[in-house]
Amino acid sequence: MADQSRKDMIATIVASFAARPDATPDAIVDLYNKLMEDAGEAPVPAASSAAPALPLERAVTEDKVYCLCCGRGFKMLKRHLGAEHGLTEAEYRTMFSLPADFPLVAPSYSRKKASHAKQAGFGKYDRAVQKQDSDESMS
């Protein structure tokens, strides 16, 4: 359990660094590898050496998103990446130099989940109205 929280912390640090406009893919991988070595873990190969299993243009279809490590298709990749490849989403994006907005969930599945959330009433909470109600009840 401690190993997983350490990996999560390293992934958070690397993701924060990767969000900087001056961060290059090589610098991101170097930082990740340095942190992993300091934690006693095996580093991942450099981004330039990771060859995707299929072209990026074919990695996302309407109903599936394909893993660039092994080429298998899923509705969402997060669980697969962790269970099969030991990667977080940030590590996966870094490994293949993917942009932050590259989808890791199939578009149709994402729309379906968003539709269900809207039907359930999620996202309709208005903090301004709630604050006024509590202010009036305190008076």
C-alpha atoms as a PDB file:
ATOM      1  CA  MET A   1       0.000   0.000   0.000  1.00  0.00           C
ATOM      2  CA  ALA A   2       2.861   2.386   0.799  1.00  0.00           C
ATOM      3  CA  ASP A   3       4.385   1.687  -2.626  1.00  0.00           C
ATOM      4  CA  GLN A   4       1.173   2.752  -4.349  1.00  0.00           C
ATOM      5  CA  SER A   5       0.908   6.012  -2.393  1.00  0.00           C
ATOM      6  CA  ARG A   6       4.571   6.723  -3.203  1.00  0.00           C
ATOM      7  CA  LYS A   7       3.876   6.146  -6.900  1.00  0.00           C
ATOM      8  CA  ASP A   8       0.807   8.393  -6.692  1.00  0.00           C
ATOM      9  CA  MET A   9       2.881  11.125  -5.079  1.00  0.00           C
ATOM     10  CA  ILE A  10       5.569  10.819  -7.745  1.00  0.00           C
ATOM     11  CA  ALA A  11       2.907  10.915 -10.464  1.00  0.00           C
ATOM     12  CA  THR A  12       1.416  14.070  -8.930  1.00  0.00           C
ATOM     13  CA  ILE A  13       4.815  15.774  -8.822  1.00  0.00           C
ATOM     14  CA  VAL A  14       5.608  14.801 -12.416  1.00  0.00           C
ATOM     15  CA  ALA A  15       2.134  15.843 -13.638  1.00  0.00           C
ATOM     16  CA  SER A  16       2.561  19.241 -11.967  1.00  0.00           C
ATOM     17  CA  PHE A  17       5.947  19.660 -13.613  1.00  0.00           C
ATOM     18  CA  ALA A  18       4.515  18.559 -16.974  1.00  0.00           C
ATOM     19  CA  ALA A  19       1.880  21.314 -16.752  1.00  0.00           C
ATOM     20  CA  ARG A  20       4.608  23.954 -16.963  1.00  0.00           C
ATOM     21  CA  PRO A  21       4.867  25.558 -20.412  1.00  0.00           C
ATOM     22  CA  ASP A  22       8.663  25.118 -20.479  1.00  0.00           C
ATOM     23  CA  ALA A  23       8.601  21.380 -19.636  1.00  0.00           C
ATOM     24  CA  THR A  24       9.877  19.208 -22.479  1.00  0.00           C
ATOM     25  CA  PRO A  25       8.983  15.515 -22.821  1.00  0.00           C
ATOM     26  CA  ASP A  26      12.596  14.529 -22.124  1.00  0.00           C
ATOM     27  CA  ALA A  27      12.734  16.695 -18.993  1.00  0.00           C
ATOM     28  CA  ILE A  28       9.482  15.144 -17.749  1.00  0.00           C
ATOM     29  CA  VAL A  29      10.787  11.604 -18.246  1.00  0.00           C
ATOM     30  CA  ASP A  30      14.120  12.531 -16.641  1.00  0.00           C
ATOM     31  CA  LEU A  31      12.345  13.924 -13.574  1.00  0.00           C
ATOM     32  CA  TYR A  32      10.134  10.856 -13.317  1.00  0.00           C
ATOM     33  CA  ASN A  33      13.078   8.461 -13.627  1.00  0.00           C
ATOM     34  CA  LYS A  34      15.091  10.399 -11.035  1.00  0.00           C
ATOM     35  CA  LEU A  35      12.215  10.303  -8.540  1.00  0.00           C
ATOM     36  CA  MET A  36      11.611   6.601  -9.183  1.00  0.00           C
ATOM     37  CA  GLU A  37      15.310   5.802  -8.676  1.00  0.00           C
ATOM     38  CA  ASP A  38      15.342   7.772  -5.408  1.00  0.00           C
ATOM     39  CA  ALA A  39      12.283   5.779  -4.281  1.00  0.00           C
ATOM     40  CA  GLY A  40      14.004   2.492  -5.164  1.00  0.00           C
ATOM     41  CA  GLU A  41      11.709   1.721  -8.108  1.00  0.00           C
ATOM     42  CA  ALA A  42      12.594   0.792 -11.675  1.00  0.00           C
ATOM     43  CA  PRO A  43      12.410   3.765 -14.069  1.00  0.00           C
ATOM     44  CA  VAL A  44      10.315   3.674 -17.234  1.00  0.00           C
ATOM     45  CA  PRO A  45      11.966   3.822 -20.652  1.00  0.00           C
ATOM     46  CA  ALA A  46      12.470   7.260 -22.156  1.00  0.00           C
ATOM     47  CA  ALA A  47       9.571   8.702 -24.124  1.00  0.00           C
ATOM     48  CA  SER A  48      11.540   8.549 -27.350  1.00  0.00           C
ATOM     49  CA  SER A  49      12.053   4.775 -26.956  1.00  0.00           C
ATOM     50  CA  ALA A  50       8.387   3.916 -26.323  1.00  0.00           C
ATOM     51  CA  ALA A  51       6.876   2.863 -29.629  1.00  0.00           C
ATOM     52  CA  PRO A  52       3.048   2.821 -29.669  1.00  0.00           C
ATOM     53  CA  ALA A  53       1.379  -0.469 -30.563  1.00  0.00           C
ATOM     54  CA  LEU A  54      -0.766   1.359 -33.141  1.00  0.00           C
ATOM     55  CA  PRO A  55      -0.849   4.832 -34.731  1.00  0.00           C
ATOM     56  CA  LEU A  56      -2.352   7.636 -32.624  1.00  0.00           C
ATOM     57  CA  GLU A  57      -4.957   8.297 -35.318  1.00  0.00           C
ATOM     58  CA  ARG A  58      -6.393   4.816 -34.717  1.00  0.00           C
ATOM     59  CA  ALA A  59      -6.064   4.864 -30.904  1.00  0.00           C
ATOM     60  CA  VAL A  60      -9.518   6.420 -30.319  1.00  0.00           C
ATOM     61  CA  THR A  61     -12.730   5.348 -32.027  1.00  0.00           C
ATOM     62  CA  GLU A  62     -16.315   6.205 -31.139  1.00  0.00           C
ATOM     63  CA  ASP A  63     -16.805   3.150 -28.907  1.00  0.00           C
ATOM     64  CA  LYS A  64     -13.252   2.224 -27.816  1.00  0.00           C
ATOM     65  CA  VAL A  65      -9.958   3.699 -26.788  1.00  0.00           C
ATOM     66  CA  TYR A  66      -6.956   1.497 -27.557  1.00  0.00           C
ATOM     67  CA  CYS A  67      -3.976   1.029 -25.266  1.00  0.00           C
ATOM     68  CA  LEU A  68      -0.793   2.222 -26.947  1.00  0.00           C
ATOM     69  CA  CYS A  69       1.246  -0.287 -24.900  1.00  0.00           C
ATOM     70  CA  CYS A  70      -0.508  -3.489 -26.006  1.00  0.00           C
ATOM     71  CA  GLY A  71      -3.101  -2.448 -28.618  1.00  0.00           C
ATOM     72  CA  ARG A  72      -6.176  -3.789 -26.767  1.00  0.00           C
ATOM     73  CA  GLY A  73      -9.400  -1.752 -26.859  1.00  0.00           C
ATOM     74  CA  PHE A  74     -11.463  -0.622 -23.837  1.00  0.00           C
ATOM     75  CA  LYS A  75     -14.206   1.805 -22.852  1.00  0.00           C
ATOM     76  CA  MET A  76     -11.734   3.417 -20.441  1.00  0.00           C
ATOM     77  CA  LEU A  77      -8.033   2.841 -19.872  1.00  0.00           C
ATOM     78  CA  LYS A  78      -7.325   3.843 -16.265  1.00  0.00           C
ATOM     79  CA  ARG A  79      -7.837   0.437 -14.619  1.00  0.00           C
ATOM     80  CA  HIS A  80      -6.123  -1.435 -17.465  1.00  0.00           C
ATOM     81  CA  LEU A  81      -3.059   0.826 -17.334  1.00  0.00           C
ATOM     82  CA  GLY A  82      -2.625   0.287 -13.609  1.00  0.00           C
ATOM     83  CA  ALA A  83      -3.375  -3.442 -13.525  1.00  0.00           C
ATOM     84  CA  GLU A  84      -1.614  -4.610 -16.675  1.00  0.00           C
ATOM     85  CA  HIS A  85       1.178  -2.088 -17.190  1.00  0.00           C
ATOM     86  CA  GLY A  86       1.694  -0.547 -13.727  1.00  0.00           C
ATOM     87  CA  LEU A  87       1.218   2.962 -15.107  1.00  0.00           C
ATOM     88  CA  THR A  88      -0.787   5.949 -13.958  1.00  0.00           C
ATOM     89  CA  GLU A  89      -2.534   8.137 -16.518  1.00  0.00           C
ATOM     90  CA  ALA A  90       0.224  10.752 -16.165  1.00  0.00           C
ATOM     91  CA  GLU A  91       2.962   8.163 -16.715  1.00  0.00           C
ATOM     92  CA  TYR A  92       1.124   6.798 -19.776  1.00  0.00           C
ATOM     93  CA  ARG A  93       0.722  10.274 -21.276  1.00  0.00           C
ATOM     94  CA  THR A  94       4.407  11.014 -20.627  1.00  0.00           C
ATOM     95  CA  MET A  95       5.562   7.697 -22.045  1.00  0.00           C
ATOM     96  CA  PHE A  96       3.892   8.395 -25.400  1.00  0.00           C
ATOM     97  CA  SER A  97       4.142  12.221 -25.319  1.00  0.00           C
ATOM     98  CA  LEU A  98       0.352  12.565 -25.357  1.00  0.00           C
ATOM     99  CA  PRO A  99      -1.320  15.947 -24.823  1.00  0.00           C
ATOM    100  CA  ALA A 100      -3.330  16.494 -21.643  1.00  0.00           C
ATOM    101  CA  ASP A 101      -6.589  16.509 -23.612  1.00  0.00           C
ATOM    102  CA  PHE A 102      -5.962  13.148 -25.323  1.00  0.00           C
ATOM    103  CA  PRO A 103      -8.987  10.995 -24.391  1.00  0.00           C
ATOM    104  CA  LEU A 104      -8.471   7.921 -22.219  1.00  0.00           C
ATOM    105  CA  VAL A 105     -12.228   7.168 -22.229  1.00  0.00           C
ATOM    106  CA  ALA A 106     -14.240   6.247 -25.328  1.00  0.00           C
ATOM    107  CA  PRO A 107     -16.272   9.271 -26.532  1.00  0.00           C
ATOM    108  CA  SER A 108     -19.595   7.385 -26.612  1.00  0.00           C
ATOM    109  CA  TYR A 109     -19.067   6.085 -23.055  1.00  0.00           C
ATOM    110  CA  SER A 110     -18.138   9.566 -21.836  1.00  0.00           C
ATOM    111  CA  ARG A 111     -21.312  11.061 -23.333  1.00  0.00           C
ATOM    112  CA  LYS A 112     -23.411   8.238 -21.849  1.00  0.00           C
ATOM    113  CA  LYS A 113     -22.006   8.811 -18.345  1.00  0.00           C
ATOM    114  CA  ALA A 114     -22.460  12.590 -18.654  1.00  0.00           C
ATOM    115  CA  SER A 115     -26.075  12.088 -19.739  1.00  0.00           C
ATOM    116  CA  HIS A 116     -26.790   9.846 -16.737  1.00  0.00           C
ATOM    117  CA  ALA A 117     -25.189  12.385 -14.402  1.00  0.00           C
ATOM    118  CA  LYS A 118     -27.338  15.200 -15.790  1.00  0.00           C
ATOM    119  CA  GLN A 119     -30.496  13.083 -15.445  1.00  0.00           C
ATOM    120  CA  ALA A 120     -29.564  12.386 -11.831  1.00  0.00           C
ATOM    121  CA  GLY A 121     -29.296  16.145 -11.234  1.00  0.00           C
ATOM    122  CA  PHE A 122     -25.549  16.406 -10.797  1.00  0.00           C
ATOM    123  CA  GLY A 123     -24.067  19.778 -11.678  1.00  0.00           C
ATOM    124  CA  LYS A 124     -27.209  21.757 -10.823  1.00  0.00           C
ATOM    125  CA  TYR A 125     -26.165  22.847  -7.344  1.00  0.00           C
ATOM    126  CA  ASP A 126     -26.150  26.641  -7.084  1.00  0.00           C
ATOM    127  CA  ARG A 127     -23.919  27.797  -4.253  1.00  0.00           C
ATOM    128  CA  ALA A 128     -25.260  31.367  -4.348  1.00  0.00           C
ATOM    129  CA  VAL A 129     -28.832  30.223  -3.641  1.00  0.00           C
ATOM    130  CA  GLN A 130     -27.630  27.856  -0.898  1.00  0.00           C
ATOM    131  CA  LYS A 131     -25.628  30.633   0.785  1.00  0.00           C
ATOM    132  CA  GLN A 132     -28.601  33.035   0.755  1.00  0.00           C
ATOM    133  CA  ASP A 133     -30.837  30.386   2.354  1.00  0.00           C
ATOM    134  CA  SER A 134     -28.329  29.756   5.159  1.00  0.00           C
ATOM    135  CA  ASP A 135     -27.808  33.493   5.709  1.00  0.00           C
ATOM    136  CA  GLU A 136     -31.565  33.999   6.103  1.00  0.00           C
ATOM    137  CA  SER A 137     -31.917  31.103   8.531  1.00  0.00           C
ATOM    138  CA  MET A 138     -29.149  32.531  10.739  1.00  0.00           C
ATOM    139  CA  SER A 139     -30.909  35.899  11.012  1.00  0.00           C
END
